[in-house]
Amino acid sequence: MSFIEIREISKSYGELSVLNRLTMSVEEHQVVCLIGPSGSGKSTLLRCINGLESINSGEIRVHGDRITGPGVDVNSLRRDIGIVFQGYNLFPHMTVLENVTLAPIQVLKQSREEAEDRAMALLKRFSLAHKAKEYPDRMSGGQQQRVAIVRALAMDPMVLLLDEITSALDPELVSEVLNIVRDLASEGMTMLLATHEMGFAREVSSKVCFLCDGAVCEEGPPEQIFGEPQQDRTRAFLRSIREAKRI
């Protein structure tokens, strides 16, 4: 069994079907990039894996454990599956250090000293230690997004979900965030990320999944998906990306 097994999940909002019997898998230490047009279900899929959205049917398992359906401890689930959003979602009234240590103290029941030691080690690793006492609104978007990633890592998750983490950034700030993802990928962090950064997806991913109409329309290694896509929908999407000079 794969590390993450997603079996025929569906999700709808009223009459709007967002995920349509979507099936895919992620192996441990694998980096899987989700690509596809807006509205294809990438963000909704990540939110379902993290338990922020419930599914209407199907099943998701992580490490063999069912994480969807009745009886699931959502708080326990979120300890193991970190998620980072495009909008940072940092608490503006808290310093960087307070943002990073909040969940380890309240959820993992770490002592303040233990949580701060871990937080400072992570902030130092990602060149953010000098910002520990700063508030988010005094930082660049790239710095805030890096703090959001550090906050997720402070929980020592098994899986990290990244939802369009560079889409809200100015172009010159994108690289500093993507460098963190490169580092985590090289260390074997299991990651599932939705992205419009096609060059980055080609470089960092173990597998690429092209989503359309709420399902995985094609998947494979990046050299196949970007070099020799098999499906007409995939070819049309990548053609539009190339015409827009985004790959």
Protein backbone atom coordinates (compact mmCIF):
# COMPACT_ATOMS: atom_id res chain seq x y z
CA MET A 1 0.00 0.00 0.00
CA SER A 2 1.23 3.50 -0.84
CA PHE A 3 1.96 6.03 1.90
CA ILE A 4 -1.08 8.09 0.84
CA GLU A 5 -3.96 6.28 -0.88
CA ILE A 6 -6.79 8.35 -2.34
CA ARG A 7 -9.58 6.16 -3.65
CA GLU A 8 -12.42 7.49 -5.78
CA ILE A 9 -13.13 10.54 -3.66
CA SER A 10 -15.86 12.96 -4.64
CA LYS A 11 -16.60 16.41 -3.25
CA SER A 12 -19.37 18.77 -4.24
CA TYR A 13 -20.80 22.04 -3.01
CA GLY A 14 -24.49 21.83 -3.75
CA GLU A 15 -24.79 21.30 -7.50
CA LEU A 16 -21.11 22.10 -8.11
CA SER A 17 -18.96 18.97 -8.39
CA VAL A 18 -15.32 19.79 -7.55
CA LEU A 19 -13.78 16.32 -7.17
CA ASN A 20 -15.16 13.48 -9.26
CA ARG A 21 -14.11 9.98 -8.13
CA LEU A 22 -10.49 11.10 -7.98
CA THR A 23 -7.92 8.38 -7.40
CA MET A 24 -4.18 8.79 -6.84
CA SER A 25 -1.35 7.67 -4.57
CA VAL A 26 1.78 9.16 -3.02
CA GLU A 27 4.76 7.10 -1.89
CA GLU A 28 6.77 7.98 1.22
CA HIS A 29 9.50 10.57 0.51
CA GLN A 30 7.87 11.36 -2.83
CA VAL A 31 7.19 14.90 -4.09
CA VAL A 32 3.99 14.98 -6.11
CA CYS A 33 3.03 18.13 -7.99
CA LEU A 34 -0.59 18.83 -8.89
CA ILE A 35 -0.99 20.89 -12.04
CA GLY A 36 -4.04 21.87 -14.04
CA PRO A 37 -6.37 24.76 -14.83
CA SER A 38 -8.01 26.85 -12.14
CA GLY A 39 -11.07 25.08 -10.79
CA SER A 40 -9.73 21.60 -11.49
CA GLY A 41 -9.81 20.64 -7.80
CA LYS A 42 -6.16 20.98 -6.73
CA SER A 43 -6.74 23.11 -3.62
CA THR A 44 -9.88 21.22 -2.64
CA LEU A 45 -7.97 17.94 -2.79
CA LEU A 46 -5.30 19.26 -0.41
CA ARG A 47 -7.94 20.57 1.98
CA CYS A 48 -9.67 17.19 1.99
CA ILE A 49 -6.41 15.39 2.83
CA ASN A 50 -5.86 17.78 5.76
CA GLY A 51 -9.43 17.39 6.98
CA LEU A 52 -10.40 21.01 6.33
CA GLU A 53 -13.06 19.75 3.92
CA SER A 54 -15.12 16.58 4.20
CA ILE A 55 -15.60 14.30 1.22
CA ASN A 56 -18.94 13.05 -0.05
CA SER A 57 -17.69 9.59 -0.99
CA GLY A 58 -14.52 7.57 -1.36
CA GLU A 59 -11.67 7.13 1.09
CA ILE A 60 -8.27 8.59 1.98
CA ARG A 61 -5.67 6.62 3.90
CA VAL A 62 -2.28 7.78 5.21
CA HIS A 63 0.20 5.12 6.33
CA GLY A 64 -2.65 2.62 6.16
CA ASP A 65 -4.90 4.59 8.51
CA ARG A 66 -8.24 5.88 7.29
CA ILE A 67 -8.38 9.67 7.69
CA THR A 68 -11.84 10.29 6.25
CA GLY A 69 -15.31 9.36 7.43
CA PRO A 70 -16.88 9.02 10.87
CA GLY A 71 -14.73 8.56 13.94
CA VAL A 72 -11.63 10.29 12.60
CA ASP A 73 -9.74 12.46 15.10
CA VAL A 74 -9.22 15.57 12.97
CA ASN A 75 -6.90 17.23 15.49
CA SER A 76 -4.64 14.17 15.51
CA LEU A 77 -4.74 14.12 11.72
CA ARG A 78 -3.55 17.72 11.49
CA ARG A 79 -0.62 17.00 13.78
CA ASP A 80 0.72 14.64 11.15
CA ILE A 81 -0.32 16.46 7.96
CA GLY A 82 0.88 20.05 7.69
CA ILE A 83 -0.58 22.49 5.19
CA VAL A 84 0.67 25.85 3.94
CA PHE A 85 -1.65 28.20 2.07
CA GLN A 86 -0.99 30.85 -0.55
CA GLY A 87 -2.17 33.58 1.85
CA TYR A 88 0.33 32.79 4.67
CA ASN A 89 -2.42 32.84 7.37
CA LEU A 90 -0.06 34.08 10.08
CA PHE A 91 -1.60 35.65 13.17
CA PRO A 92 -0.92 39.39 12.77
CA HIS A 93 -0.99 40.13 16.53
CA MET A 94 1.72 37.56 17.26
CA THR A 95 5.44 37.72 16.63
CA VAL A 96 7.09 35.22 14.32
CA LEU A 97 8.27 33.17 17.31
CA GLU A 98 4.79 33.17 18.84
CA ASN A 99 3.25 32.09 15.52
CA VAL A 100 5.66 29.17 15.20
CA THR A 101 5.40 27.96 18.82
CA LEU A 102 1.62 28.27 19.28
CA ALA A 103 0.63 24.83 17.95
CA PRO A 104 3.55 22.86 19.47
CA ILE A 105 2.68 24.31 22.90
CA GLN A 106 -1.10 23.96 22.65
CA VAL A 107 -1.42 20.80 20.55
CA LEU A 108 1.78 18.84 21.16
CA LYS A 109 1.92 20.02 24.81
CA GLN A 110 5.58 20.97 24.52
CA SER A 111 7.03 23.25 27.16
CA ARG A 112 7.58 26.83 26.05
CA GLU A 113 11.33 26.34 26.29
CA GLU A 114 11.25 23.19 24.15
CA ALA A 115 8.96 24.79 21.56
CA GLU A 116 11.09 27.95 21.35
CA ASP A 117 14.32 25.98 21.01
CA ARG A 118 12.83 23.98 18.12
CA ALA A 119 11.36 27.13 16.54
CA MET A 120 14.63 29.04 16.72
CA ALA A 121 16.53 26.12 15.18
CA LEU A 122 14.11 26.10 12.25
CA LEU A 123 14.15 29.88 11.87
CA LYS A 124 17.94 29.86 11.89
CA ARG A 125 18.03 27.10 9.31
CA PHE A 126 15.89 29.16 6.93
CA SER A 127 17.68 32.47 7.64
CA LEU A 128 14.82 33.91 9.64
CA ALA A 129 16.23 33.92 13.19
CA HIS A 130 16.68 37.70 13.09
CA LYS A 131 12.93 38.04 12.48
CA ALA A 132 11.83 36.04 15.53
CA LYS A 133 10.54 39.09 17.42
CA GLU A 134 9.05 40.81 14.36
CA TYR A 135 5.35 40.97 13.52
CA PRO A 136 4.19 39.63 10.13
CA ASP A 137 3.21 43.02 8.70
CA ARG A 138 6.81 44.18 9.01
CA MET A 139 8.05 41.41 6.74
CA SER A 140 8.06 40.79 2.99
CA GLY A 141 5.64 38.31 1.46
CA GLY A 142 8.48 35.89 0.84
CA GLN A 143 9.56 36.06 4.48
CA GLN A 144 5.99 35.56 5.69
CA GLN A 145 5.57 32.52 3.46
CA ARG A 146 8.84 31.06 4.73
CA VAL A 147 7.59 31.57 8.31
CA ALA A 148 4.35 29.78 7.36
CA ILE A 149 6.41 26.81 6.15
CA VAL A 150 8.50 26.87 9.35
CA ARG A 151 5.28 26.93 11.40
CA ALA A 152 4.11 23.77 9.62
CA LEU A 153 7.49 22.07 10.07
CA ALA A 154 7.51 22.85 13.80
CA MET A 155 4.81 20.19 14.19
CA ASP A 156 7.17 17.60 12.65
CA PRO A 157 4.55 16.40 10.16
CA MET A 158 4.70 13.14 8.19
CA VAL A 159 3.34 14.91 5.12
CA LEU A 160 3.50 18.52 3.98
CA LEU A 161 0.79 19.96 1.71
CA LEU A 162 1.61 23.17 -0.16
CA ASP A 163 -1.22 25.06 -1.83
CA GLU A 164 0.01 27.52 -4.48
CA ILE A 165 2.51 28.91 -2.00
CA THR A 166 4.12 31.30 -4.50
CA SER A 167 1.03 32.65 -6.27
CA ALA A 168 0.65 35.67 -3.96
CA LEU A 169 4.33 36.65 -4.16
CA ASP A 170 6.13 39.15 -6.34
CA PRO A 171 8.31 37.33 -8.91
CA GLU A 172 11.57 38.28 -7.21
CA LEU A 173 10.41 36.65 -3.94
CA VAL A 174 9.37 33.33 -5.47
CA SER A 175 12.86 31.82 -5.51
CA GLU A 176 13.47 32.22 -1.77
CA VAL A 177 10.33 30.18 -1.03
CA LEU A 178 11.01 27.54 -3.68
CA ASN A 179 14.53 27.06 -2.32
CA ILE A 180 13.02 25.85 0.96
CA VAL A 181 10.91 23.30 -0.92
CA ARG A 182 14.02 22.12 -2.79
CA ASP A 183 15.81 21.62 0.52
CA LEU A 184 12.91 19.68 2.02
CA ALA A 185 12.62 17.52 -1.10
CA SER A 186 16.34 16.68 -0.95
CA GLU A 187 15.88 15.56 2.66
CA GLY A 188 13.07 13.17 1.79
CA MET A 189 10.05 15.09 3.09
CA THR A 190 6.84 13.63 1.64
CA MET A 191 5.12 16.54 -0.10
CA LEU A 192 2.05 17.12 -2.21
CA LEU A 193 1.90 20.54 -3.81
CA ALA A 194 -0.43 22.40 -6.10
CA THR A 195 1.53 24.81 -8.25
CA HIS A 196 1.49 26.99 -11.34
CA GLU A 197 5.31 27.05 -11.37
CA MET A 198 5.77 24.54 -14.17
CA GLY A 199 9.55 24.80 -14.34
CA PHE A 200 9.76 24.16 -10.63
CA ALA A 201 7.33 21.23 -10.86
CA ARG A 202 9.49 19.71 -13.58
CA GLU A 203 12.63 20.13 -11.49
CA VAL A 204 11.55 19.04 -8.02
CA SER A 205 8.75 16.50 -8.44
CA SER A 206 8.95 12.72 -8.40
CA LYS A 207 5.53 12.54 -10.04
CA VAL A 208 3.23 15.04 -11.72
CA CYS A 209 -0.56 14.69 -11.71
CA PHE A 210 -2.58 16.71 -14.22
CA LEU A 211 -6.05 17.41 -12.85
CA CYS A 212 -9.05 18.33 -14.98
CA ASP A 213 -12.76 18.18 -14.22
CA GLY A 214 -12.05 17.08 -10.66
CA ALA A 215 -10.09 13.95 -11.54
CA VAL A 216 -6.53 12.90 -12.37
CA CYS A 217 -6.53 12.94 -16.17
CA GLU A 218 -2.87 11.96 -16.52
CA GLU A 219 0.03 11.23 -14.20
CA GLY A 220 3.64 10.21 -14.56
CA PRO A 221 7.24 11.30 -14.06
CA PRO A 222 7.87 14.96 -14.92
CA GLU A 223 9.91 14.16 -18.02
CA GLN A 224 6.95 12.26 -19.47
CA ILE A 225 4.21 14.73 -18.50
CA PHE A 226 6.13 17.78 -19.74
CA GLY A 227 7.99 16.07 -22.58
CA GLU A 228 5.57 13.51 -24.01
CA PRO A 229 2.08 13.93 -22.53
CA GLN A 230 -0.33 11.23 -23.66
CA GLN A 231 -3.69 12.95 -23.25
CA ASP A 232 -5.12 15.71 -25.46
CA ARG A 233 -6.23 17.69 -22.40
CA THR A 234 -2.72 17.62 -20.96
CA ARG A 235 -1.16 18.68 -24.26
CA ALA A 236 -3.64 21.56 -24.62
CA PHE A 237 -2.98 22.77 -21.08
CA LEU A 238 0.79 22.71 -21.48
CA ARG A 239 0.51 24.43 -24.87
CA SER A 240 -1.39 27.29 -23.24
CA ILE A 241 1.23 27.50 -20.50
CA ARG A 242 4.03 27.71 -23.06
CA GLU A 243 2.19 30.38 -25.04
CA ALA A 244 1.91 32.40 -21.85
CA LYS A 245 5.69 31.91 -21.37
CA ARG A 246 5.19 30.28 -17.99
CA ILE A 247 7.28 27.22 -18.73
